[in-house]
PDB file of all heavy atoms in Angstrom:
ATOM      1  N   GLN A   1       0.994  -1.203  -0.048  1.00  0.00           N
ATOM      2  CA  GLN A   1       0.023  -0.044  -0.042  1.00  0.00           C
ATOM      3  C   GLN A   1       0.943   1.233  -0.024  1.00  0.00           C
ATOM      4  O   GLN A   1       1.781   1.395   0.796  1.00  0.00           O
ATOM      5  CB  GLN A   1      -0.989   0.019   1.236  1.00  0.00           C
ATOM      6  CG  GLN A   1      -1.985  -1.056   1.227  1.00  0.00           C
ATOM      7  CD  GLN A   1      -2.910  -1.012   0.058  1.00  0.00           C
ATOM      8  OE1 GLN A   1      -3.282   0.049  -0.560  1.00  0.00           O
ATOM      9  NE2 GLN A   1      -3.234  -2.277  -0.523  1.00  0.00           N
ATOM     10  N   VAL A   2       0.765   2.078  -0.931  1.00  0.00           N
ATOM     11  CA  VAL A   2       1.608   3.205  -1.118  1.00  0.00           C
ATOM     12  C   VAL A   2       0.942   4.540  -0.861  1.00  0.00           C
ATOM     13  O   VAL A   2      -0.184   4.743  -1.296  1.00  0.00           O
ATOM     14  CB  VAL A   2       2.042   3.161  -2.735  1.00  0.00           C
ATOM     15  CG1 VAL A   2       3.034   4.336  -2.855  1.00  0.00           C
ATOM     16  CG2 VAL A   2       2.779   2.000  -3.039  1.00  0.00           C
ATOM     17  N   PHE A   3       1.749   5.332  -0.115  1.00  0.00           N
ATOM     18  CA  PHE A   3       1.195   6.711   0.233  1.00  0.00           C
ATOM     19  C   PHE A   3       2.199   7.684  -0.091  1.00  0.00           C
ATOM     20  O   PHE A   3       3.373   7.497   0.185  1.00  0.00           O
ATOM     21  CB  PHE A   3       0.984   6.730   1.769  1.00  0.00           C
ATOM     22  CG  PHE A   3      -0.088   5.784   2.235  1.00  0.00           C
ATOM     23  CD1 PHE A   3       0.090   4.414   2.564  1.00  0.00           C
ATOM     24  CD2 PHE A   3      -1.399   6.216   2.473  1.00  0.00           C
ATOM     25  CE1 PHE A   3      -0.852   3.512   2.982  1.00  0.00           C
ATOM     26  CE2 PHE A   3      -2.363   5.378   2.959  1.00  0.00           C
ATOM     27  CZ  PHE A   3      -2.031   4.000   3.151  1.00  0.00           C
ATOM     28  N   PHE A   4       1.742   8.808  -0.657  1.00  0.00           N
ATOM     29  CA  PHE A   4       2.514   9.948  -0.833  1.00  0.00           C
ATOM     30  C   PHE A   4       2.055  10.942   0.111  1.00  0.00           C
ATOM     31  O   PHE A   4       0.890  11.472  -0.022  1.00  0.00           O
ATOM     32  CB  PHE A   4       2.287  10.524  -2.294  1.00  0.00           C
ATOM     33  CG  PHE A   4       3.154   9.808  -3.425  1.00  0.00           C
ATOM     34  CD1 PHE A   4       3.765   8.587  -3.115  1.00  0.00           C
ATOM     35  CD2 PHE A   4       3.106  10.327  -4.648  1.00  0.00           C
ATOM     36  CE1 PHE A   4       4.375   7.889  -4.149  1.00  0.00           C
ATOM     37  CE2 PHE A   4       3.840   9.736  -5.607  1.00  0.00           C
ATOM     38  CZ  PHE A   4       4.421   8.480  -5.525  1.00  0.00           C
ATOM     39  N   ASN A   5       2.835  11.343   1.144  1.00  0.00           N
ATOM     40  CA  ASN A   5       2.499  12.012   2.292  1.00  0.00           C
ATOM     41  C   ASN A   5       1.201  11.285   2.779  1.00  0.00           C
ATOM     42  O   ASN A   5       1.303  10.139   3.099  1.00  0.00           O
ATOM     43  CB  ASN A   5       2.169  13.508   1.977  1.00  0.00           C
ATOM     44  CG  ASN A   5       3.534  14.269   1.615  1.00  0.00           C
ATOM     45  OD1 ASN A   5       4.530  13.907   2.083  1.00  0.00           O
ATOM     46  ND2 ASN A   5       3.372  15.332   1.001  1.00  0.00           N
ATOM     47  N   GLU A   6       0.070  11.986   3.066  1.00  0.00           N
ATOM     48  CA  GLU A   6      -1.123  11.182   3.671  1.00  0.00           C
ATOM     49  C   GLU A   6      -2.010  10.770   2.444  1.00  0.00           C
ATOM     50  O   GLU A   6      -3.065  10.188   2.779  1.00  0.00           O
ATOM     51  CB  GLU A   6      -1.796  12.077   4.631  1.00  0.00           C
ATOM     52  CG  GLU A   6      -2.507  13.376   4.045  1.00  0.00           C
ATOM     53  CD  GLU A   6      -1.531  14.502   3.969  1.00  0.00           C
ATOM     54  OE1 GLU A   6      -0.363  14.439   4.443  1.00  0.00           O
ATOM     55  OE2 GLU A   6      -1.920  15.545   3.435  1.00  0.00           O
ATOM     56  N   ASN A   7      -1.580  10.902   1.296  1.00  0.00           N
ATOM     57  CA  ASN A   7      -2.468  10.585   0.176  1.00  0.00           C
ATOM     58  C   ASN A   7      -2.257   9.068  -0.244  1.00  0.00           C
ATOM     59  O   ASN A   7      -1.165   8.677  -0.474  1.00  0.00           O
ATOM     60  CB  ASN A   7      -2.216  11.325  -1.028  1.00  0.00           C
ATOM     61  CG  ASN A   7      -2.571  12.859  -0.761  1.00  0.00           C
ATOM     62  OD1 ASN A   7      -3.602  13.227  -0.112  1.00  0.00           O
ATOM     63  ND2 ASN A   7      -1.656  13.805  -1.133  1.00  0.00           N
ATOM     64  N   HIS A   8      -3.344   8.207  -0.184  1.00  0.00           N
ATOM     65  CA  HIS A   8      -3.202   6.816  -0.508  1.00  0.00           C
ATOM     66  C   HIS A   8      -3.167   6.636  -1.994  1.00  0.00           C
ATOM     67  O   HIS A   8      -4.178   7.030  -2.605  1.00  0.00           O
ATOM     68  CB  HIS A   8      -4.396   6.088   0.125  1.00  0.00           C
ATOM     69  CG  HIS A   8      -4.316   4.730  -0.076  1.00  0.00           C
ATOM     70  ND1 HIS A   8      -5.559   3.975  -0.548  1.00  0.00           N
ATOM     71  CD2 HIS A   8      -3.420   3.742   0.033  1.00  0.00           C
ATOM     72  CE1 HIS A   8      -5.242   2.688  -0.575  1.00  0.00           C
ATOM     73  NE2 HIS A   8      -3.961   2.490  -0.313  1.00  0.00           N
ATOM     74  N   LEU A   9      -2.169   6.138  -2.611  1.00  0.00           N
ATOM     75  CA  LEU A   9      -2.150   5.827  -4.114  1.00  0.00           C
ATOM     76  C   LEU A   9      -2.711   4.480  -4.352  1.00  0.00           C
ATOM     77  O   LEU A   9      -3.311   4.311  -5.434  1.00  0.00           O
ATOM     78  CB  LEU A   9      -0.692   5.831  -4.576  1.00  0.00           C
ATOM     79  CG  LEU A   9      -0.295   7.214  -5.135  1.00  0.00           C
ATOM     80  CD1 LEU A   9      -0.381   8.303  -4.125  1.00  0.00           C
ATOM     81  CD2 LEU A   9       1.039   7.081  -5.799  1.00  0.00           C
ATOM     82  N   GLY A  10      -2.535   3.532  -3.445  1.00  0.00           N
ATOM     83  CA  GLY A  10      -3.107   2.240  -3.604  1.00  0.00           C
ATOM     84  C   GLY A  10      -1.953   1.147  -3.612  1.00  0.00           C
ATOM     85  O   GLY A  10      -0.945   1.378  -3.040  1.00  0.00           O
ATOM     86  N   GLY A  11      -2.345   0.034  -4.171  1.00  0.00           N
ATOM     87  CA  GLY A  11      -1.299  -1.153  -4.285  1.00  0.00           C
ATOM     88  C   GLY A  11      -0.465  -1.000  -5.577  1.00  0.00           C
ATOM     89  O   GLY A  11      -0.505  -0.010  -6.279  1.00  0.00           O
ATOM     90  N   ASN A  12       0.261  -2.075  -5.830  1.00  0.00           N
ATOM     91  CA  ASN A  12       1.074  -2.060  -6.886  1.00  0.00           C
ATOM     92  C   ASN A  12       0.384  -1.902  -8.277  1.00  0.00           C
ATOM     93  O   ASN A  12       0.753  -1.049  -9.155  1.00  0.00           O
ATOM     94  CB  ASN A  12       1.914  -3.356  -7.009  1.00  0.00           C
ATOM     95  CG  ASN A  12       2.809  -3.482  -8.175  1.00  0.00           C
ATOM     96  OD1 ASN A  12       3.671  -2.526  -8.470  1.00  0.00           O
ATOM     97  ND2 ASN A  12       2.773  -4.480  -9.034  1.00  0.00           N
ATOM     98  N   ASP A  13      -0.740  -2.485  -8.445  1.00  0.00           N
ATOM     99  CA  ASP A  13      -1.565  -2.395  -9.646  1.00  0.00           C
ATOM    100  C   ASP A  13      -1.904  -0.976  -9.875  1.00  0.00           C
ATOM    101  O   ASP A  13      -1.868  -0.442 -10.926  1.00  0.00           O
ATOM    102  CB  ASP A  13      -2.811  -3.270  -9.634  1.00  0.00           C
ATOM    103  CG  ASP A  13      -2.514  -4.816  -9.671  1.00  0.00           C
ATOM    104  OD1 ASP A  13      -1.363  -5.153 -10.056  1.00  0.00           O
ATOM    105  OD2 ASP A  13      -3.429  -5.598  -9.538  1.00  0.00           O
ATOM    106  N   ASP A  14      -2.324  -0.380  -8.789  1.00  0.00           N
ATOM    107  CA  ASP A  14      -2.771   1.189  -8.911  1.00  0.00           C
ATOM    108  C   ASP A  14      -1.680   1.969  -9.264  1.00  0.00           C
ATOM    109  O   ASP A  14      -1.857   2.936 -10.144  1.00  0.00           O
ATOM    110  CB  ASP A  14      -3.301   1.535  -7.524  1.00  0.00           C
ATOM    111  CG  ASP A  14      -4.490   0.745  -7.088  1.00  0.00           C
ATOM    112  OD1 ASP A  14      -5.416   0.483  -7.829  1.00  0.00           O
ATOM    113  OD2 ASP A  14      -4.419   0.208  -5.969  1.00  0.00           O
ATOM    114  N   VAL A  15      -0.419   1.793  -8.719  1.00  0.00           N
ATOM    115  CA  VAL A  15       0.810   2.618  -8.987  1.00  0.00           C
ATOM    116  C   VAL A  15       1.130   2.303 -10.418  1.00  0.00           C
ATOM    117  O   VAL A  15       1.405   3.302 -11.132  1.00  0.00           O
ATOM    118  CB  VAL A  15       1.881   2.318  -7.961  1.00  0.00           C
ATOM    119  CG1 VAL A  15       3.056   3.064  -8.328  1.00  0.00           C
ATOM    120  CG2 VAL A  15       1.345   2.646  -6.535  1.00  0.00           C
ATOM    121  N   GLN A  16       1.100   1.058 -10.773  1.00  0.00           N
ATOM    122  CA  GLN A  16       1.637   0.775 -12.206  1.00  0.00           C
ATOM    123  C   GLN A  16       0.569   1.351 -13.223  1.00  0.00           C
ATOM    124  O   GLN A  16       0.969   1.879 -14.200  1.00  0.00           O
ATOM    125  CB  GLN A  16       1.688  -0.741 -12.493  1.00  0.00           C
ATOM    126  CG  GLN A  16       2.614  -1.463 -11.542  1.00  0.00           C
ATOM    127  CD  GLN A  16       4.042  -1.069 -11.848  1.00  0.00           C
ATOM    128  OE1 GLN A  16       4.498  -0.634 -12.847  1.00  0.00           O
ATOM    129  NE2 GLN A  16       4.935  -1.400 -10.828  1.00  0.00           N
ATOM    130  N   GLN A  17      -0.714   1.375 -12.864  1.00  0.00           N
ATOM    131  CA  GLN A  17      -1.759   2.008 -13.666  1.00  0.00           C
ATOM    132  C   GLN A  17      -1.492   3.538 -13.796  1.00  0.00           C
ATOM    133  O   GLN A  17      -1.632   4.058 -14.959  1.00  0.00           O
ATOM    134  CB  GLN A  17      -3.150   1.708 -13.310  1.00  0.00           C
ATOM    135  CG  GLN A  17      -4.261   2.055 -14.207  1.00  0.00           C
ATOM    136  CD  GLN A  17      -4.137   1.391 -15.539  1.00  0.00           C
ATOM    137  OE1 GLN A  17      -3.990   0.171 -15.556  1.00  0.00           O
ATOM    138  NE2 GLN A  17      -4.240   2.124 -16.663  1.00  0.00           N
ATOM    139  N   LEU A  18      -1.210   4.079 -12.693  1.00  0.00           N
ATOM    140  CA  LEU A  18      -0.958   5.639 -12.771  1.00  0.00           C
ATOM    141  C   LEU A  18       0.277   5.908 -13.705  1.00  0.00           C
ATOM    142  O   LEU A  18       0.234   6.794 -14.519  1.00  0.00           O
ATOM    143  CB  LEU A  18      -0.611   6.178 -11.313  1.00  0.00           C
ATOM    144  CG  LEU A  18      -1.691   6.241 -10.461  1.00  0.00           C
ATOM    145  CD1 LEU A  18      -1.400   6.519  -8.947  1.00  0.00           C
ATOM    146  CD2 LEU A  18      -2.727   7.473 -10.837  1.00  0.00           C
ATOM    147  N   GLN A  19       1.215   4.980 -13.524  1.00  0.00           N
ATOM    148  CA  GLN A  19       2.495   5.189 -14.489  1.00  0.00           C
ATOM    149  C   GLN A  19       2.029   5.043 -15.962  1.00  0.00           C
ATOM    150  O   GLN A  19       2.363   5.827 -16.779  1.00  0.00           O
ATOM    151  CB  GLN A  19       3.538   4.093 -14.109  1.00  0.00           C
ATOM    152  CG  GLN A  19       4.684   4.080 -15.035  1.00  0.00           C
ATOM    153  CD  GLN A  19       5.699   5.185 -14.844  1.00  0.00           C
ATOM    154  OE1 GLN A  19       5.384   6.099 -13.958  1.00  0.00           O
ATOM    155  NE2 GLN A  19       6.654   5.295 -15.681  1.00  0.00           N
ATOM    156  N   THR A  20       1.272   4.026 -16.275  1.00  0.00           N
ATOM    157  CA  THR A  20       0.755   3.682 -17.600  1.00  0.00           C
ATOM    158  C   THR A  20       0.007   4.852 -18.126  1.00  0.00           C
ATOM    159  O   THR A  20       0.076   5.364 -19.187  1.00  0.00           O
ATOM    160  CB  THR A  20      -0.057   2.365 -17.672  1.00  0.00           C
ATOM    161  OG1 THR A  20       0.673   1.386 -17.093  1.00  0.00           O
ATOM    162  CG2 THR A  20      -0.586   2.086 -19.062  1.00  0.00           C
ATOM    163  N   ASP A  21      -0.946   5.468 -17.265  1.00  0.00           N
ATOM    164  CA  ASP A  21      -1.776   6.447 -17.618  1.00  0.00           C
ATOM    165  C   ASP A  21      -0.987   7.894 -17.716  1.00  0.00           C
ATOM    166  O   ASP A  21      -1.583   8.928 -18.032  1.00  0.00           O
ATOM    167  CB  ASP A  21      -2.885   6.674 -16.682  1.00  0.00           C
ATOM    168  CG  ASP A  21      -3.857   5.512 -16.715  1.00  0.00           C
ATOM    169  OD1 ASP A  21      -3.716   4.693 -17.643  1.00  0.00           O
ATOM    170  OD2 ASP A  21      -4.625   5.353 -15.796  1.00  0.00           O
ATOM    171  N   GLY A  22       0.270   7.837 -17.348  1.00  0.00           N
ATOM    172  CA  GLY A  22       1.100   9.078 -17.296  1.00  0.00           C
ATOM    173  C   GLY A  22       0.710  10.027 -16.057  1.00  0.00           C
ATOM    174  O   GLY A  22       1.089  11.217 -16.125  1.00  0.00           O
ATOM    175  N   LYS A  23       0.100   9.612 -15.135  1.00  0.00           N
ATOM    176  CA  LYS A  23      -0.364  10.347 -14.023  1.00  0.00           C
ATOM    177  C   LYS A  23       0.525  10.366 -12.832  1.00  0.00           C
ATOM    178  O   LYS A  23       0.467  11.110 -11.910  1.00  0.00           O
ATOM    179  CB  LYS A  23      -1.785  10.012 -13.521  1.00  0.00           C
ATOM    180  CG  LYS A  23      -2.922  10.333 -14.680  1.00  0.00           C
ATOM    181  CD  LYS A  23      -4.214   9.840 -14.220  1.00  0.00           C
ATOM    182  CE  LYS A  23      -5.253  10.195 -15.321  1.00  0.00           C
ATOM    183  NZ  LYS A  23      -6.469   9.323 -15.227  1.00  0.00           N
ATOM    184  N   LEU A  24       1.353   9.296 -12.769  1.00  0.00           N
ATOM    185  CA  LEU A  24       2.331   9.217 -11.642  1.00  0.00           C
ATOM    186  C   LEU A  24       3.359  10.304 -11.594  1.00  0.00           C
ATOM    187  O   LEU A  24       3.566  10.807 -10.388  1.00  0.00           O
ATOM    188  CB  LEU A  24       2.955   7.810 -11.728  1.00  0.00           C
ATOM    189  CG  LEU A  24       3.845   7.427 -10.399  1.00  0.00           C
ATOM    190  CD1 LEU A  24       2.756   7.373  -9.219  1.00  0.00           C
ATOM    191  CD2 LEU A  24       4.434   6.087 -10.566  1.00  0.00           C
ATOM    192  N   ALA A  25       3.868  10.756 -12.729  1.00  0.00           N
ATOM    193  CA  ALA A  25       4.982  11.814 -12.704  1.00  0.00           C
ATOM    194  C   ALA A  25       4.410  13.055 -11.913  1.00  0.00           C
ATOM    195  O   ALA A  25       5.186  13.715 -11.141  1.00  0.00           O
ATOM    196  CB  ALA A  25       5.420  12.065 -14.076  1.00  0.00           C
ATOM    197  N   GLU A  26       3.207  13.475 -12.119  1.00  0.00           N
ATOM    198  CA  GLU A  26       2.579  14.599 -11.622  1.00  0.00           C
ATOM    199  C   GLU A  26       2.580  14.410  -9.965  1.00  0.00           C
ATOM    200  O   GLU A  26       2.894  15.311  -9.241  1.00  0.00           O
ATOM    201  CB  GLU A  26       1.275  14.863 -12.128  1.00  0.00           C
ATOM    202  CG  GLU A  26       0.551  16.025 -11.661  1.00  0.00           C
ATOM    203  CD  GLU A  26      -0.922  16.045 -12.226  1.00  0.00           C
ATOM    204  OE1 GLU A  26      -1.135  15.593 -13.483  1.00  0.00           O
ATOM    205  OE2 GLU A  26      -1.800  16.412 -11.508  1.00  0.00           O
ATOM    206  N   LYS A  27       2.219  13.167  -9.684  1.00  0.00           N
ATOM    207  CA  LYS A  27       2.004  12.905  -8.100  1.00  0.00           C
ATOM    208  C   LYS A  27       3.465  12.936  -7.503  1.00  0.00           C
ATOM    209  O   LYS A  27       3.690  13.343  -6.330  1.00  0.00           O
ATOM    210  CB  LYS A  27       1.349  11.645  -7.826  1.00  0.00           C
ATOM    211  CG  LYS A  27      -0.196  11.704  -8.301  1.00  0.00           C
ATOM    212  CD  LYS A  27      -0.926  10.421  -8.002  1.00  0.00           C
ATOM    213  CE  LYS A  27      -2.403  10.474  -8.495  1.00  0.00           C
ATOM    214  NZ  LYS A  27      -3.106  11.459  -7.783  1.00  0.00           N
ATOM    215  N   VAL A  28       4.460  12.398  -8.360  1.00  0.00           N
ATOM    216  CA  VAL A  28       5.890  12.345  -7.855  1.00  0.00           C
ATOM    217  C   VAL A  28       6.298  13.705  -7.611  1.00  0.00           C
ATOM    218  O   VAL A  28       6.911  14.044  -6.592  1.00  0.00           O
ATOM    219  CB  VAL A  28       6.703  11.568  -8.883  1.00  0.00           C
ATOM    220  CG1 VAL A  28       8.262  11.798  -8.591  1.00  0.00           C
ATOM    221  CG2 VAL A  28       6.408  10.075  -8.791  1.00  0.00           C
ATOM    222  N   GLU A  29       6.124  14.638  -8.587  1.00  0.00           N
ATOM    223  CA  GLU A  29       6.511  16.102  -8.459  1.00  0.00           C
ATOM    224  C   GLU A  29       5.904  16.657  -7.242  1.00  0.00           C
ATOM    225  O   GLU A  29       6.621  17.427  -6.482  1.00  0.00           O
ATOM    226  CB  GLU A  29       6.203  16.879  -9.684  1.00  0.00           C
ATOM    227  CG  GLU A  29       7.077  16.721 -10.887  1.00  0.00           C
ATOM    228  CD  GLU A  29       8.501  16.835 -10.416  1.00  0.00           C
ATOM    229  OE1 GLU A  29       8.845  18.042  -9.881  1.00  0.00           O
ATOM    230  OE2 GLU A  29       9.255  16.044 -10.620  1.00  0.00           O
ATOM    231  N   MET A  30       4.685  16.220  -6.923  1.00  0.00           N
ATOM    232  CA  MET A  30       3.847  16.921  -5.831  1.00  0.00           C
ATOM    233  C   MET A  30       4.580  16.443  -4.489  1.00  0.00           C
ATOM    234  O   MET A  30       4.818  17.254  -3.697  1.00  0.00           O
ATOM    235  CB  MET A  30       2.401  16.510  -5.736  1.00  0.00           C
ATOM    236  CG  MET A  30       1.633  17.192  -4.793  1.00  0.00           C
ATOM    237  SD  MET A  30       0.044  16.304  -4.507  1.00  0.00           S
ATOM    238  CE  MET A  30       0.727  14.902  -3.493  1.00  0.00           C
ATOM    239  N   VAL A  31       4.843  15.185  -4.463  1.00  0.00           N
ATOM    240  CA  VAL A  31       5.462  14.623  -3.130  1.00  0.00           C
ATOM    241  C   VAL A  31       6.890  15.097  -2.918  1.00  0.00           C
ATOM    242  O   VAL A  31       7.319  15.308  -1.853  1.00  0.00           O
ATOM    243  CB  VAL A  31       5.296  13.108  -3.095  1.00  0.00           C
ATOM    244  CG1 VAL A  31       6.477  12.394  -3.829  1.00  0.00           C
ATOM    245  CG2 VAL A  31       5.502  12.748  -1.496  1.00  0.00           C
ATOM    246  N   LYS A  32       7.544  15.352  -3.986  1.00  0.00           N
ATOM    247  CA  LYS A  32       8.959  15.862  -4.002  1.00  0.00           C
ATOM    248  C   LYS A  32       8.971  17.335  -3.430  1.00  0.00           C
ATOM    249  O   LYS A  32       9.904  17.745  -2.819  1.00  0.00           O
ATOM    250  CB  LYS A  32       9.678  15.796  -5.352  1.00  0.00           C
ATOM    251  CG  LYS A  32      10.200  14.513  -5.760  1.00  0.00           C
ATOM    252  CD  LYS A  32      10.946  14.509  -6.990  1.00  0.00           C
ATOM    253  CE  LYS A  32      11.542  13.103  -7.330  1.00  0.00           C
ATOM    254  NZ  LYS A  32      12.226  13.258  -8.680  1.00  0.00           N
ATOM    255  N   ASN A  33       7.924  18.191  -3.803  1.00  0.00           N
ATOM    256  CA  ASN A  33       7.850  19.455  -3.471  1.00  0.00           C
ATOM    257  C   ASN A  33       6.928  19.866  -2.359  1.00  0.00           C
ATOM    258  O   ASN A  33       6.892  21.033  -1.989  1.00  0.00           O
ATOM    259  CB  ASN A  33       7.461  20.424  -4.767  1.00  0.00           C
ATOM    260  CG  ASN A  33       8.481  20.069  -5.892  1.00  0.00           C
ATOM    261  OD1 ASN A  33       9.617  20.196  -5.667  1.00  0.00           O
ATOM    262  ND2 ASN A  33       7.950  19.751  -7.068  1.00  0.00           N
ATOM    263  N   THR A  34       6.261  18.894  -1.857  1.00  0.00           N
ATOM    264  CA  THR A  34       5.305  19.235  -0.762  1.00  0.00           C
ATOM    265  C   THR A  34       5.665  18.582   0.572  1.00  0.00           C
ATOM    266  O   THR A  34       5.684  17.369   0.705  1.00  0.00           O
ATOM    267  CB  THR A  34       3.926  18.739  -1.100  1.00  0.00           C
ATOM    268  OG1 THR A  34       3.580  19.284  -2.374  1.00  0.00           O
ATOM    269  CG2 THR A  34       2.841  19.228  -0.147  1.00  0.00           C
ATOM    270  N   PRO A  35       6.088  19.171   1.513  1.00  0.00           N
ATOM    271  CA  PRO A  35       6.500  18.638   2.879  1.00  0.00           C
ATOM    272  C   PRO A  35       5.252  18.044   3.415  1.00  0.00           C
ATOM    273  O   PRO A  35       4.200  18.572   3.343  1.00  0.00           O
ATOM    274  CB  PRO A  35       7.034  19.799   3.648  1.00  0.00           C
ATOM    275  CG  PRO A  35       7.059  21.034   3.021  1.00  0.00           C
ATOM    276  CD  PRO A  35       6.294  20.668   1.578  1.00  0.00           C
ATOM    277  N   VAL A  36       5.367  16.939   4.205  1.00  0.00           N
ATOM    278  CA  VAL A  36       4.255  16.308   4.853  1.00  0.00           C
ATOM    279  C   VAL A  36       3.735  17.235   6.014  1.00  0.00           C
ATOM    280  O   VAL A  36       4.500  17.828   6.630  1.00  0.00           O
ATOM    281  CB  VAL A  36       4.623  14.923   5.466  1.00  0.00           C
ATOM    282  CG1 VAL A  36       5.571  15.019   6.517  1.00  0.00           C
ATOM    283  CG2 VAL A  36       3.414  14.115   5.694  1.00  0.00           C
ATOM    284  N   THR A  37       2.426  17.272   6.109  1.00  0.00           N
ATOM    285  CA  THR A  37       1.865  17.942   7.225  1.00  0.00           C
ATOM    286  C   THR A  37       1.233  16.887   8.159  1.00  0.00           C
ATOM    287  O   THR A  37       0.658  15.954   7.745  1.00  0.00           O
ATOM    288  CB  THR A  37       0.786  18.951   6.840  1.00  0.00           C
ATOM    289  OG1 THR A  37      -0.145  18.199   6.090  1.00  0.00           O
ATOM    290  CG2 THR A  37       1.388  20.088   5.891  1.00  0.00           C
ATOM    291  N   MET A  38       1.340  17.145   9.452  1.00  0.00           N
ATOM    292  CA  MET A  38       0.802  16.168  10.353  1.00  0.00           C
ATOM    293  C   MET A  38      -0.576  16.485  10.808  1.00  0.00           C
ATOM    294  O   MET A  38      -1.163  16.200  11.870  1.00  0.00           O
ATOM    295  CB  MET A  38       1.712  16.086  11.583  1.00  0.00           C
ATOM    296  CG  MET A  38       2.991  15.607  11.366  1.00  0.00           C
ATOM    297  SD  MET A  38       3.121  14.157  10.193  1.00  0.00           S
ATOM    298  CE  MET A  38       2.447  12.851  11.219  1.00  0.00           C
ATOM    299  N   MET A  39      -1.412  17.256   9.907  1.00  0.00           N
ATOM    300  CA  MET A  39      -2.768  17.635  10.124  1.00  0.00           C
ATOM    301  C   MET A  39      -3.595  16.421  10.163  1.00  0.00           C
ATOM    302  O   MET A  39      -4.626  16.354  10.820  1.00  0.00           O
ATOM    303  CB  MET A  39      -3.189  18.552   9.025  1.00  0.00           C
ATOM    304  CG  MET A  39      -2.442  19.869   8.864  1.00  0.00           C
ATOM    305  SD  MET A  39      -2.801  21.003  10.306  1.00  0.00           S
ATOM    306  CE  MET A  39      -4.495  21.543   9.910  1.00  0.00           C
ATOM    307  N   GLN A  40      -3.268  15.518   9.298  1.00  0.00           N
ATOM    308  CA  GLN A  40      -4.152  14.216   9.087  1.00  0.00           C
ATOM    309  C   GLN A  40      -3.869  13.341  10.271  1.00  0.00           C
ATOM    310  O   GLN A  40      -2.787  12.923  10.512  1.00  0.00           O
ATOM    311  CB  GLN A  40      -3.684  13.539   7.873  1.00  0.00           C
ATOM    312  CG  GLN A  40      -4.549  12.475   7.464  1.00  0.00           C
ATOM    313  CD  GLN A  40      -5.455  12.904   6.296  1.00  0.00           C
ATOM    314  OE1 GLN A  40      -5.476  14.001   5.871  1.00  0.00           O
ATOM    315  NE2 GLN A  40      -6.340  12.005   5.779  1.00  0.00           N
TER     316      GLN A  40
END
């Protein structure tokens, strides 16, 4: 189960699908540039 900060991306199939759809890079940029907040 993969999380970027407090956002749940899902399991391997979900992550691979995001990669296939070209949506993972955007999420990667977000997690690289957004410090985690402990609000959650």
